Amino acid sequence: LWNVDLPDPSRAIRNICEAVDASLTPLEQSRYLHGQSAETGCQPAAP
């Protein structure tokens, strides 16, 4: 029996961004977002 409750990609990205508390660089966006909008990735924290 395998736990396969995998988040959808946008939820996974949000979870990762919250965990590392950082924005993705342009290189990271191209590497990990596979052509998705950069708006899907980590957004800078509000000042």
ModelCIF file with pLDDT and N, C-alpha, C, O atoms, coordinates in Angstrom:
data_MODEL
#
_entry.id   MODEL 
#
_entity.id                         1 
_entity.type                       polymer 
_entity.pdbx_number_of_molecules   1 
#
_entity_poly.entity_id                      1 
_entity_poly.type                           'polypeptide(L)' 
_entity_poly.nstd_linkage                   no 
_entity_poly.nstd_monomer                   no 
_entity_poly.pdbx_seq_one_letter_code       LWNVDLPDPSRAIRNICEAVDASLTPLEQSRYLHGQSAETGCQPAAP 
_entity_poly.pdbx_seq_one_letter_code_can   LWNVDLPDPSRAIRNICEAVDASLTPLEQSRYLHGQSAETGCQPAAP 
_entity_poly.pdbx_strand_id                 A 
#
loop_
_entity_poly_seq.entity_id 
_entity_poly_seq.num 
_entity_poly_seq.mon_id 
_entity_poly_seq.hetero 
1 1  LEU n 
1 2  TRP n 
1 3  ASN n 
1 4  VAL n 
1 5  ASP n 
1 6  LEU n 
1 7  PRO n 
1 8  ASP n 
1 9  PRO n 
1 10 SER n 
1 11 ARG n 
1 12 ALA n 
1 13 ILE n 
1 14 ARG n 
1 15 ASN n 
1 16 ILE n 
1 17 CYS n 
1 18 GLU n 
1 19 ALA n 
1 20 VAL n 
1 21 ASP n 
1 22 ALA n 
1 23 SER n 
1 24 LEU n 
1 25 THR n 
1 26 PRO n 
1 27 LEU n 
1 28 GLU n 
1 29 GLN n 
1 30 SER n 
1 31 ARG n 
1 32 TYR n 
1 33 LEU n 
1 34 HIS n 
1 35 GLY n 
1 36 GLN n 
1 37 SER n 
1 38 ALA n 
1 39 GLU n 
1 40 THR n 
1 41 GLY n 
1 42 CYS n 
1 43 GLN n 
1 44 PRO n 
1 45 ALA n 
1 46 ALA n 
1 47 PRO n 
#
_struct_asym.id          A 
_struct_asym.entity_id   1 
#
loop_
_ma_qa_metric.id 
_ma_qa_metric.mode 
_ma_qa_metric.name 
_ma_qa_metric.software_group_id 
_ma_qa_metric.type 
1 global pLDDT . pLDDT 
2 local  pLDDT . pLDDT 
#
_ma_qa_metric_global.metric_id      1 
_ma_qa_metric_global.metric_value   67.64 
_ma_qa_metric_global.model_id       1 
_ma_qa_metric_global.ordinal_id     1 
#
loop_
_ma_qa_metric_local.label_asym_id 
_ma_qa_metric_local.label_comp_id 
_ma_qa_metric_local.label_seq_id 
_ma_qa_metric_local.metric_id 
_ma_qa_metric_local.metric_value 
_ma_qa_metric_local.model_id 
_ma_qa_metric_local.ordinal_id 
A LEU 1  2 88.00 1 1  
A TRP 2  2 86.00 1 2  
A ASN 3  2 86.00 1 3  
A VAL 4  2 84.00 1 4  
A ASP 5  2 78.00 1 5  
A LEU 6  2 69.00 1 6  
A PRO 7  2 64.00 1 7  
A ASP 8  2 66.00 1 8  
A PRO 9  2 67.00 1 9  
A SER 10 2 70.00 1 10 
A ARG 11 2 70.00 1 11 
A ALA 12 2 72.00 1 12 
A ILE 13 2 72.00 1 13 
A ARG 14 2 72.00 1 14 
A ASN 15 2 74.00 1 15 
A ILE 16 2 74.00 1 16 
A CYS 17 2 72.00 1 17 
A GLU 18 2 75.00 1 18 
A ALA 19 2 75.00 1 19 
A VAL 20 2 70.00 1 20 
A ASP 21 2 65.00 1 21 
A ALA 22 2 65.00 1 22 
A SER 23 2 67.00 1 23 
A LEU 24 2 67.00 1 24 
A THR 25 2 74.00 1 25 
A PRO 26 2 75.00 1 26 
A LEU 27 2 79.00 1 27 
A GLU 28 2 73.00 1 28 
A GLN 29 2 71.00 1 29 
A SER 30 2 72.00 1 30 
A ARG 31 2 73.00 1 31 
A TYR 32 2 69.00 1 32 
A LEU 33 2 67.00 1 33 
A HIS 34 2 62.00 1 34 
A GLY 35 2 61.00 1 35 
A GLN 36 2 61.00 1 36 
A SER 37 2 57.00 1 37 
A ALA 38 2 51.00 1 38 
A GLU 39 2 56.00 1 39 
A THR 40 2 50.00 1 40 
A GLY 41 2 52.00 1 41 
A CYS 42 2 60.00 1 42 
A GLN 43 2 60.00 1 43 
A PRO 44 2 56.00 1 44 
A ALA 45 2 52.00 1 45 
A ALA 46 2 51.00 1 46 
A PRO 47 2 49.00 1 47 
#
loop_
_atom_site.group_PDB 
_atom_site.id 
_atom_site.type_symbol 
_atom_site.label_atom_id 
_atom_site.label_alt_id 
_atom_site.label_comp_id 
_atom_site.label_asym_id 
_atom_site.label_entity_id 
_atom_site.label_seq_id 
_atom_site.pdbx_PDB_ins_code 
_atom_site.Cartn_x 
_atom_site.Cartn_y 
_atom_site.Cartn_z 
_atom_site.occupancy 
_atom_site.B_iso_or_equiv 
_atom_site.pdbx_formal_charge 
_atom_site.auth_seq_id 
_atom_site.auth_comp_id 
_atom_site.auth_asym_id 
_atom_site.auth_atom_id 
_atom_site.pdbx_PDB_model_num 
ATOM 1   N N  . LEU A 1 1  ? 0.856  -1.176 0.000   1.00 88.00 ? 1  LEU A N  1 
ATOM 2   C CA . LEU A 1 1  ? 0.000  0.000  0.000   1.00 88.00 ? 1  LEU A CA 1 
ATOM 3   C C  . LEU A 1 1  ? 0.897  1.232  0.000   1.00 88.00 ? 1  LEU A C  1 
ATOM 4   O O  . LEU A 1 1  ? 1.774  1.368  0.853   1.00 88.00 ? 1  LEU A O  1 
ATOM 5   N N  . TRP A 1 2  ? 0.678  2.117  -0.946  1.00 86.00 ? 2  TRP A N  1 
ATOM 6   C CA . TRP A 1 2  ? 1.503  3.311  -1.132  1.00 86.00 ? 2  TRP A CA 1 
ATOM 7   C C  . TRP A 1 2  ? 0.644  4.550  -0.961  1.00 86.00 ? 2  TRP A C  1 
ATOM 8   O O  . TRP A 1 2  ? -0.445 4.644  -1.529  1.00 86.00 ? 2  TRP A O  1 
ATOM 9   N N  . ASN A 1 3  ? 1.145  5.516  -0.162  1.00 86.00 ? 3  ASN A N  1 
ATOM 10  C CA . ASN A 1 3  ? 0.479  6.806  -0.049  1.00 86.00 ? 3  ASN A CA 1 
ATOM 11  C C  . ASN A 1 3  ? 0.831  7.602  -1.300  1.00 86.00 ? 3  ASN A C  1 
ATOM 12  O O  . ASN A 1 3  ? 1.988  7.975  -1.497  1.00 86.00 ? 3  ASN A O  1 
ATOM 13  N N  . VAL A 1 4  ? -0.160 7.861  -2.142  1.00 84.00 ? 4  VAL A N  1 
ATOM 14  C CA . VAL A 1 4  ? 0.076  8.583  -3.396  1.00 84.00 ? 4  VAL A CA 1 
ATOM 15  C C  . VAL A 1 4  ? -0.767 9.855  -3.457  1.00 84.00 ? 4  VAL A C  1 
ATOM 16  O O  . VAL A 1 4  ? -1.158 10.302 -4.536  1.00 84.00 ? 4  VAL A O  1 
ATOM 17  N N  . ASP A 1 5  ? -1.038 10.425 -2.301  1.00 78.00 ? 5  ASP A N  1 
ATOM 18  C CA . ASP A 1 5  ? -1.800 11.666 -2.240  1.00 78.00 ? 5  ASP A CA 1 
ATOM 19  C C  . ASP A 1 5  ? -0.875 12.804 -2.646  1.00 78.00 ? 5  ASP A C  1 
ATOM 20  O O  . ASP A 1 5  ? -0.421 13.585 -1.810  1.00 78.00 ? 5  ASP A O  1 
ATOM 21  N N  . LEU A 1 6  ? -0.603 12.883 -3.953  1.00 69.00 ? 6  LEU A N  1 
ATOM 22  C CA . LEU A 1 6  ? 0.313  13.882 -4.477  1.00 69.00 ? 6  LEU A CA 1 
ATOM 23  C C  . LEU A 1 6  ? -0.443 15.172 -4.759  1.00 69.00 ? 6  LEU A C  1 
ATOM 24  O O  . LEU A 1 6  ? -1.532 15.139 -5.331  1.00 69.00 ? 6  LEU A O  1 
ATOM 25  N N  . PRO A 1 7  ? 0.117  16.298 -4.367  1.00 64.00 ? 7  PRO A N  1 
ATOM 26  C CA . PRO A 1 7  ? -0.574 17.559 -4.640  1.00 64.00 ? 7  PRO A CA 1 
ATOM 27  C C  . PRO A 1 7  ? -0.520 17.883 -6.128  1.00 64.00 ? 7  PRO A C  1 
ATOM 28  O O  . PRO A 1 7  ? 0.364  17.417 -6.847  1.00 64.00 ? 7  PRO A O  1 
ATOM 29  N N  . ASP A 1 8  ? -1.469 18.682 -6.572  1.00 66.00 ? 8  ASP A N  1 
ATOM 30  C CA . ASP A 1 8  ? -1.388 19.154 -7.945  1.00 66.00 ? 8  ASP A CA 1 
ATOM 31  C C  . ASP A 1 8  ? -0.149 20.052 -8.042  1.00 66.00 ? 8  ASP A C  1 
ATOM 32  O O  . ASP A 1 8  ? 0.301  20.572 -7.020  1.00 66.00 ? 8  ASP A O  1 
ATOM 33  N N  . PRO A 1 9  ? 0.412  20.249 -9.232  1.00 67.00 ? 9  PRO A N  1 
ATOM 34  C CA . PRO A 1 9  ? 1.666  21.010 -9.362  1.00 67.00 ? 9  PRO A CA 1 
ATOM 35  C C  . PRO A 1 9  ? 1.616  22.400 -8.744  1.00 67.00 ? 9  PRO A C  1 
ATOM 36  O O  . PRO A 1 9  ? 2.579  22.799 -8.089  1.00 67.00 ? 9  PRO A O  1 
ATOM 37  N N  . SER A 1 10 ? 0.532  23.158 -8.925  1.00 70.00 ? 10 SER A N  1 
ATOM 38  C CA . SER A 1 10 ? 0.501  24.517 -8.376  1.00 70.00 ? 10 SER A CA 1 
ATOM 39  C C  . SER A 1 10 ? 0.475  24.477 -6.846  1.00 70.00 ? 10 SER A C  1 
ATOM 40  O O  . SER A 1 10 ? 1.097  25.322 -6.202  1.00 70.00 ? 10 SER A O  1 
ATOM 41  N N  . ARG A 1 11 ? -0.234 23.511 -6.257  1.00 70.00 ? 11 ARG A N  1 
ATOM 42  C CA . ARG A 1 11 ? -0.247 23.400 -4.795  1.00 70.00 ? 11 ARG A CA 1 
ATOM 43  C C  . ARG A 1 11 ? 1.119  22.977 -4.282  1.00 70.00 ? 11 ARG A C  1 
ATOM 44  O O  . ARG A 1 11 ? 1.569  23.462 -3.244  1.00 70.00 ? 11 ARG A O  1 
ATOM 45  N N  . ALA A 1 12 ? 1.788  22.069 -5.005  1.00 72.00 ? 12 ALA A N  1 
ATOM 46  C CA . ALA A 1 12 ? 3.131  21.644 -4.601  1.00 72.00 ? 12 ALA A CA 1 
ATOM 47  C C  . ALA A 1 12 ? 4.100  22.817 -4.628  1.00 72.00 ? 12 ALA A C  1 
ATOM 48  O O  . ALA A 1 12 ? 4.917  22.969 -3.720  1.00 72.00 ? 12 ALA A O  1 
ATOM 49  N N  . ILE A 1 13 ? 4.015  23.648 -5.667  1.00 72.00 ? 13 ILE A N  1 
ATOM 50  C CA . ILE A 1 13 ? 4.895  24.813 -5.767  1.00 72.00 ? 13 ILE A CA 1 
ATOM 51  C C  . ILE A 1 13 ? 4.635  25.770 -4.605  1.00 72.00 ? 13 ILE A C  1 
ATOM 52  O O  . ILE A 1 13 ? 5.576  26.275 -3.993  1.00 72.00 ? 13 ILE A O  1 
ATOM 53  N N  . ARG A 1 14 ? 3.355  26.020 -4.300  1.00 72.00 ? 14 ARG A N  1 
ATOM 54  C CA . ARG A 1 14 ? 3.037  26.902 -3.164  1.00 72.00 ? 14 ARG A CA 1 
ATOM 55  C C  . ARG A 1 14 ? 3.585  26.337 -1.863  1.00 72.00 ? 14 ARG A C  1 
ATOM 56  O O  . ARG A 1 14 ? 4.130  27.084 -1.051  1.00 72.00 ? 14 ARG A O  1 
ATOM 57  N N  . ASN A 1 15 ? 3.450  25.020 -1.647  1.00 74.00 ? 15 ASN A N  1 
ATOM 58  C CA . ASN A 1 15 ? 3.962  24.398 -0.421  1.00 74.00 ? 15 ASN A CA 1 
ATOM 59  C C  . ASN A 1 15 ? 5.480  24.549 -0.322  1.00 74.00 ? 15 ASN A C  1 
ATOM 60  O O  . ASN A 1 15 ? 6.014  24.848 0.746   1.00 74.00 ? 15 ASN A O  1 
ATOM 61  N N  . ILE A 1 16 ? 6.162  24.341 -1.438  1.00 74.00 ? 16 ILE A N  1 
ATOM 62  C CA . ILE A 1 16 ? 7.625  24.479 -1.437  1.00 74.00 ? 16 ILE A CA 1 
ATOM 63  C C  . ILE A 1 16 ? 8.022  25.919 -1.159  1.00 74.00 ? 16 ILE A C  1 
ATOM 64  O O  . ILE A 1 16 ? 8.926  26.168 -0.361  1.00 74.00 ? 16 ILE A O  1 
ATOM 65  N N  . CYS A 1 17 ? 7.359  26.870 -1.807  1.00 72.00 ? 17 CYS A N  1 
ATOM 66  C CA . CYS A 1 17 ? 7.672  28.287 -1.597  1.00 72.00 ? 17 CYS A CA 1 
ATOM 67  C C  . CYS A 1 17 ? 7.476  28.679 -0.136  1.00 72.00 ? 17 CYS A C  1 
ATOM 68  O O  . CYS A 1 17 ? 8.297  29.394 0.438   1.00 72.00 ? 17 CYS A O  1 
ATOM 69  N N  . GLU A 1 18 ? 6.382  28.206 0.462   1.00 75.00 ? 18 GLU A N  1 
ATOM 70  C CA . GLU A 1 18 ? 6.136  28.504 1.874   1.00 75.00 ? 18 GLU A CA 1 
ATOM 71  C C  . GLU A 1 18 ? 7.210  27.884 2.758   1.00 75.00 ? 18 GLU A C  1 
ATOM 72  O O  . GLU A 1 18 ? 7.628  28.488 3.746   1.00 75.00 ? 18 GLU A O  1 
ATOM 73  N N  . ALA A 1 19 ? 7.656  26.682 2.410   1.00 75.00 ? 19 ALA A N  1 
ATOM 74  C CA . ALA A 1 19 ? 8.654  25.996 3.232   1.00 75.00 ? 19 ALA A CA 1 
ATOM 75  C C  . ALA A 1 19 ? 10.013 26.681 3.177   1.00 75.00 ? 19 ALA A C  1 
ATOM 76  O O  . ALA A 1 19 ? 10.703 26.769 4.192   1.00 75.00 ? 19 ALA A O  1 
ATOM 77  N N  . VAL A 1 20 ? 10.405 27.169 1.999   1.00 70.00 ? 20 VAL A N  1 
ATOM 78  C CA . VAL A 1 20 ? 11.730 27.794 1.866   1.00 70.00 ? 20 VAL A CA 1 
ATOM 79  C C  . VAL A 1 20 ? 11.672 29.298 2.012   1.00 70.00 ? 20 VAL A C  1 
ATOM 80  O O  . VAL A 1 20 ? 12.710 29.950 2.131   1.00 70.00 ? 20 VAL A O  1 
ATOM 81  N N  . ASP A 1 21 ? 10.453 29.871 2.005   1.00 65.00 ? 21 ASP A N  1 
ATOM 82  C CA . ASP A 1 21 ? 10.251 31.302 2.170   1.00 65.00 ? 21 ASP A CA 1 
ATOM 83  C C  . ASP A 1 21 ? 11.125 32.093 1.192   1.00 65.00 ? 21 ASP A C  1 
ATOM 84  O O  . ASP A 1 21 ? 11.849 33.008 1.586   1.00 65.00 ? 21 ASP A O  1 
ATOM 85  N N  . ALA A 1 22 ? 11.044 31.723 -0.086  1.00 65.00 ? 22 ALA A N  1 
ATOM 86  C CA . ALA A 1 22 ? 11.870 32.395 -1.096  1.00 65.00 ? 22 ALA A CA 1 
ATOM 87  C C  . ALA A 1 22 ? 11.162 32.371 -2.445  1.00 65.00 ? 22 ALA A C  1 
ATOM 88  O O  . ALA A 1 22 ? 10.245 31.581 -2.667  1.00 65.00 ? 22 ALA A O  1 
ATOM 89  N N  . SER A 1 23 ? 11.599 33.242 -3.333  1.00 67.00 ? 23 SER A N  1 
ATOM 90  C CA . SER A 1 23 ? 11.112 33.263 -4.702  1.00 67.00 ? 23 SER A CA 1 
ATOM 91  C C  . SER A 1 23 ? 11.977 32.358 -5.550  1.00 67.00 ? 23 SER A C  1 
ATOM 92  O O  . SER A 1 23 ? 13.141 32.119 -5.227  1.00 67.00 ? 23 SER A O  1 
ATOM 93  N N  . LEU A 1 24 ? 11.411 31.850 -6.639  1.00 67.00 ? 24 LEU A N  1 
ATOM 94  C CA . LEU A 1 24 ? 12.199 31.079 -7.596  1.00 67.00 ? 24 LEU A CA 1 
ATOM 95  C C  . LEU A 1 24 ? 12.923 32.046 -8.525  1.00 67.00 ? 24 LEU A C  1 
ATOM 96  O O  . LEU A 1 24 ? 12.347 33.041 -8.967  1.00 67.00 ? 24 LEU A O  1 
ATOM 97  N N  . THR A 1 25 ? 14.175 31.754 -8.818  1.00 74.00 ? 25 THR A N  1 
ATOM 98  C CA . THR A 1 25 ? 14.926 32.546 -9.788  1.00 74.00 ? 25 THR A CA 1 
ATOM 99  C C  . THR A 1 25 ? 14.406 32.214 -11.182 1.00 74.00 ? 25 THR A C  1 
ATOM 100 O O  . THR A 1 25 ? 13.708 31.214 -11.349 1.00 74.00 ? 25 THR A O  1 
ATOM 101 N N  . PRO A 1 26 ? 14.730 33.029 -12.189 1.00 75.00 ? 26 PRO A N  1 
ATOM 102 C CA . PRO A 1 26 ? 14.311 32.689 -13.552 1.00 75.00 ? 26 PRO A CA 1 
ATOM 103 C C  . PRO A 1 26 ? 14.814 31.307 -13.987 1.00 75.00 ? 26 PRO A C  1 
ATOM 104 O O  . PRO A 1 26 ? 14.083 30.579 -14.657 1.00 75.00 ? 26 PRO A O  1 
ATOM 105 N N  . LEU A 1 27 ? 16.037 30.935 -13.625 1.00 79.00 ? 27 LEU A N  1 
ATOM 106 C CA . LEU A 1 27 ? 16.562 29.612 -13.976 1.00 79.00 ? 27 LEU A CA 1 
ATOM 107 C C  . LEU A 1 27 ? 15.743 28.514 -13.297 1.00 79.00 ? 27 LEU A C  1 
ATOM 108 O O  . LEU A 1 27 ? 15.408 27.514 -13.932 1.00 79.00 ? 27 LEU A O  1 
ATOM 109 N N  . GLU A 1 28 ? 15.418 28.688 -12.017 1.00 73.00 ? 28 GLU A N  1 
ATOM 110 C CA . GLU A 1 28 ? 14.607 27.700 -11.303 1.00 73.00 ? 28 GLU A CA 1 
ATOM 111 C C  . GLU A 1 28 ? 13.208 27.605 -11.908 1.00 73.00 ? 28 GLU A C  1 
ATOM 112 O O  . GLU A 1 28 ? 12.649 26.514 -12.016 1.00 73.00 ? 28 GLU A O  1 
ATOM 113 N N  . GLN A 1 29 ? 12.641 28.752 -12.302 1.00 71.00 ? 29 GLN A N  1 
ATOM 114 C CA . GLN A 1 29 ? 11.319 28.731 -12.926 1.00 71.00 ? 29 GLN A CA 1 
ATOM 115 C C  . GLN A 1 29 ? 11.347 27.923 -14.214 1.00 71.00 ? 29 GLN A C  1 
ATOM 116 O O  . GLN A 1 29 ? 10.447 27.118 -14.454 1.00 71.00 ? 29 GLN A O  1 
ATOM 117 N N  . SER A 1 30 ? 12.364 28.123 -15.049 1.00 72.00 ? 30 SER A N  1 
ATOM 118 C CA . SER A 1 30 ? 12.430 27.369 -16.310 1.00 72.00 ? 30 SER A CA 1 
ATOM 119 C C  . SER A 1 30 ? 12.685 25.891 -16.055 1.00 72.00 ? 30 SER A C  1 
ATOM 120 O O  . SER A 1 30 ? 12.191 25.038 -16.792 1.00 72.00 ? 30 SER A O  1 
ATOM 121 N N  . ARG A 1 31 ? 13.450 25.585 -15.021 1.00 73.00 ? 31 ARG A N  1 
ATOM 122 C CA . ARG A 1 31 ? 13.786 24.190 -14.714 1.00 73.00 ? 31 ARG A CA 1 
ATOM 123 C C  . ARG A 1 31 ? 12.608 23.437 -14.105 1.00 73.00 ? 31 ARG A C  1 
ATOM 124 O O  . ARG A 1 31 ? 12.373 22.279 -14.449 1.00 73.00 ? 31 ARG A O  1 
ATOM 125 N N  . TYR A 1 32 ? 11.869 24.077 -13.208 1.00 69.00 ? 32 TYR A N  1 
ATOM 126 C CA . TYR A 1 32 ? 10.862 23.362 -12.433 1.00 69.00 ? 32 TYR A CA 1 
ATOM 127 C C  . TYR A 1 32 ? 9.419  23.614 -12.856 1.00 69.00 ? 32 TYR A C  1 
ATOM 128 O O  . TYR A 1 32 ? 8.544  22.802 -12.553 1.00 69.00 ? 32 TYR A O  1 
ATOM 129 N N  . LEU A 1 33 ? 9.153  24.709 -13.542 1.00 67.00 ? 33 LEU A N  1 
ATOM 130 C CA . LEU A 1 33 ? 7.771  25.010 -13.904 1.00 67.00 ? 33 LEU A CA 1 
ATOM 131 C C  . LEU A 1 33 ? 7.398  24.499 -15.286 1.00 67.00 ? 33 LEU A C  1 
ATOM 132 O O  . LEU A 1 33 ? 6.227  24.549 -15.663 1.00 67.00 ? 33 LEU A O  1 
ATOM 133 N N  . HIS A 1 34 ? 8.368  24.008 -16.047 1.00 62.00 ? 34 HIS A N  1 
ATOM 134 C CA . HIS A 1 34 ? 8.117  23.370 -17.341 1.00 62.00 ? 34 HIS A CA 1 
ATOM 135 C C  . HIS A 1 34 ? 7.176  24.187 -18.224 1.00 62.00 ? 34 HIS A C  1 
ATOM 136 O O  . HIS A 1 34 ? 6.160  23.680 -18.699 1.00 62.00 ? 34 HIS A O  1 
ATOM 137 N N  . GLY A 1 35 ? 7.523  25.449 -18.437 1.00 61.00 ? 35 GLY A N  1 
ATOM 138 C CA . GLY A 1 35 ? 6.756  26.273 -19.351 1.00 61.00 ? 35 GLY A CA 1 
ATOM 139 C C  . GLY A 1 35 ? 5.503  26.897 -18.760 1.00 61.00 ? 35 GLY A C  1 
ATOM 140 O O  . GLY A 1 35 ? 4.789  27.611 -19.463 1.00 61.00 ? 35 GLY A O  1 
ATOM 141 N N  . GLN A 1 36 ? 5.218  26.647 -17.491 1.00 61.00 ? 36 GLN A N  1 
ATOM 142 C CA . GLN A 1 36 ? 4.054  27.273 -16.870 1.00 61.00 ? 36 GLN A CA 1 
ATOM 143 C C  . GLN A 1 36 ? 4.363  28.737 -16.604 1.00 61.00 ? 36 GLN A C  1 
ATOM 144 O O  . GLN A 1 36 ? 5.526  29.142 -16.596 1.00 61.00 ? 36 GLN A O  1 
ATOM 145 N N  . SER A 1 37 ? 3.353  29.503 -16.394 1.00 57.00 ? 37 SER A N  1 
ATOM 146 C CA . SER A 1 37 ? 3.515  30.910 -16.086 1.00 57.00 ? 37 SER A CA 1 
ATOM 147 C C  . SER A 1 37 ? 4.333  31.080 -14.810 1.00 57.00 ? 37 SER A C  1 
ATOM 148 O O  . SER A 1 37 ? 4.196  30.302 -13.866 1.00 57.00 ? 37 SER A O  1 
ATOM 149 N N  . ALA A 1 38 ? 5.174  32.093 -14.790 1.00 51.00 ? 38 ALA A N  1 
ATOM 150 C CA . ALA A 1 38 ? 5.953  32.384 -13.583 1.00 51.00 ? 38 ALA A CA 1 
ATOM 151 C C  . ALA A 1 38 ? 5.038  32.750 -12.431 1.00 51.00 ? 38 ALA A C  1 
ATOM 152 O O  . ALA A 1 38 ? 5.431  32.643 -11.270 1.00 51.00 ? 38 ALA A O  1 
ATOM 153 N N  . GLU A 1 39 ? 3.807  33.185 -12.740 1.00 56.00 ? 39 GLU A N  1 
ATOM 154 C CA . GLU A 1 39 ? 2.859  33.512 -11.686 1.00 56.00 ? 39 GLU A CA 1 
ATOM 155 C C  . GLU A 1 39 ? 2.462  32.279 -10.886 1.00 56.00 ? 39 GLU A C  1 
ATOM 156 O O  . GLU A 1 39 ? 1.949  32.397 -9.773  1.00 56.00 ? 39 GLU A O  1 
ATOM 157 N N  . THR A 1 40 ? 2.699  31.091 -11.450 1.00 50.00 ? 40 THR A N  1 
ATOM 158 C CA . THR A 1 40 ? 2.414  29.849 -10.749 1.00 50.00 ? 40 THR A CA 1 
ATOM 159 C C  . THR A 1 40 ? 3.448  29.624 -9.640  1.00 50.00 ? 40 THR A C  1 
ATOM 160 O O  . THR A 1 40 ? 3.162  28.972 -8.636  1.00 50.00 ? 40 THR A O  1 
ATOM 161 N N  . GLY A 1 41 ? 4.648  30.172 -9.835  1.00 52.00 ? 41 GLY A N  1 
ATOM 162 C CA . GLY A 1 41 ? 5.753  29.950 -8.915  1.00 52.00 ? 41 GLY A CA 1 
ATOM 163 C C  . GLY A 1 41 ? 5.676  30.820 -7.680  1.00 52.00 ? 41 GLY A C  1 
ATOM 164 O O  . GLY A 1 41 ? 4.647  31.435 -7.401  1.00 52.00 ? 41 GLY A O  1 
ATOM 165 N N  . CYS A 1 42 ? 6.774  30.867 -6.943  1.00 60.00 ? 42 CYS A N  1 
ATOM 166 C CA . CYS A 1 42 ? 6.839  31.635 -5.719  1.00 60.00 ? 42 CYS A CA 1 
ATOM 167 C C  . CYS A 1 42 ? 6.772  33.126 -6.026  1.00 60.00 ? 42 CYS A C  1 
ATOM 168 O O  . CYS A 1 42 ? 7.417  33.608 -6.957  1.00 60.00 ? 42 CYS A O  1 
ATOM 169 N N  . GLN A 1 43 ? 6.015  33.824 -5.263  1.00 60.00 ? 43 GLN A N  1 
ATOM 170 C CA . GLN A 1 43 ? 5.911  35.262 -5.399  1.00 60.00 ? 43 GLN A CA 1 
ATOM 171 C C  . GLN A 1 43 ? 6.707  35.922 -4.272  1.00 60.00 ? 43 GLN A C  1 
ATOM 172 O O  . GLN A 1 43 ? 6.740  35.406 -3.155  1.00 60.00 ? 43 GLN A O  1 
ATOM 173 N N  . PRO A 1 44 ? 7.341  37.044 -4.553  1.00 56.00 ? 44 PRO A N  1 
ATOM 174 C CA . PRO A 1 44 ? 8.072  37.728 -3.482  1.00 56.00 ? 44 PRO A CA 1 
ATOM 175 C C  . PRO A 1 44 ? 7.126  38.078 -2.336  1.00 56.00 ? 44 PRO A C  1 
ATOM 176 O O  . PRO A 1 44 ? 5.957  38.401 -2.550  1.00 56.00 ? 44 PRO A O  1 
ATOM 177 N N  . ALA A 1 45 ? 7.651  38.008 -1.134  1.00 52.00 ? 45 ALA A N  1 
ATOM 178 C CA . ALA A 1 45 ? 6.850  38.356 0.047   1.00 52.00 ? 45 ALA A CA 1 
ATOM 179 C C  . ALA A 1 45 ? 6.543  39.844 0.024   1.00 52.00 ? 45 ALA A C  1 
ATOM 180 O O  . ALA A 1 45 ? 7.360  40.652 -0.416  1.00 52.00 ? 45 ALA A O  1 
ATOM 181 N N  . ALA A 1 46 ? 5.372  40.191 0.496   1.00 51.00 ? 46 ALA A N  1 
ATOM 182 C CA . ALA A 1 46 ? 4.978  41.606 0.562   1.00 51.00 ? 46 ALA A CA 1 
ATOM 183 C C  . ALA A 1 46 ? 5.836  42.302 1.616   1.00 51.00 ? 46 ALA A C  1 
ATOM 184 O O  . ALA A 1 46 ? 6.122  41.720 2.662   1.00 51.00 ? 46 ALA A O  1 
ATOM 185 N N  . PRO A 1 47 ? 6.255  43.565 1.345   1.00 49.00 ? 47 PRO A N  1 
ATOM 186 C CA . PRO A 1 47 ? 7.108  44.285 2.324   1.00 49.00 ? 47 PRO A CA 1 
ATOM 187 C C  . PRO A 1 47 ? 6.370  44.623 3.588   1.00 49.00 ? 47 PRO A C  1 
ATOM 188 O O  . PRO A 1 47 ? 6.945  45.221 4.497   1.00 49.00 ? 47 PRO A O  1 
#
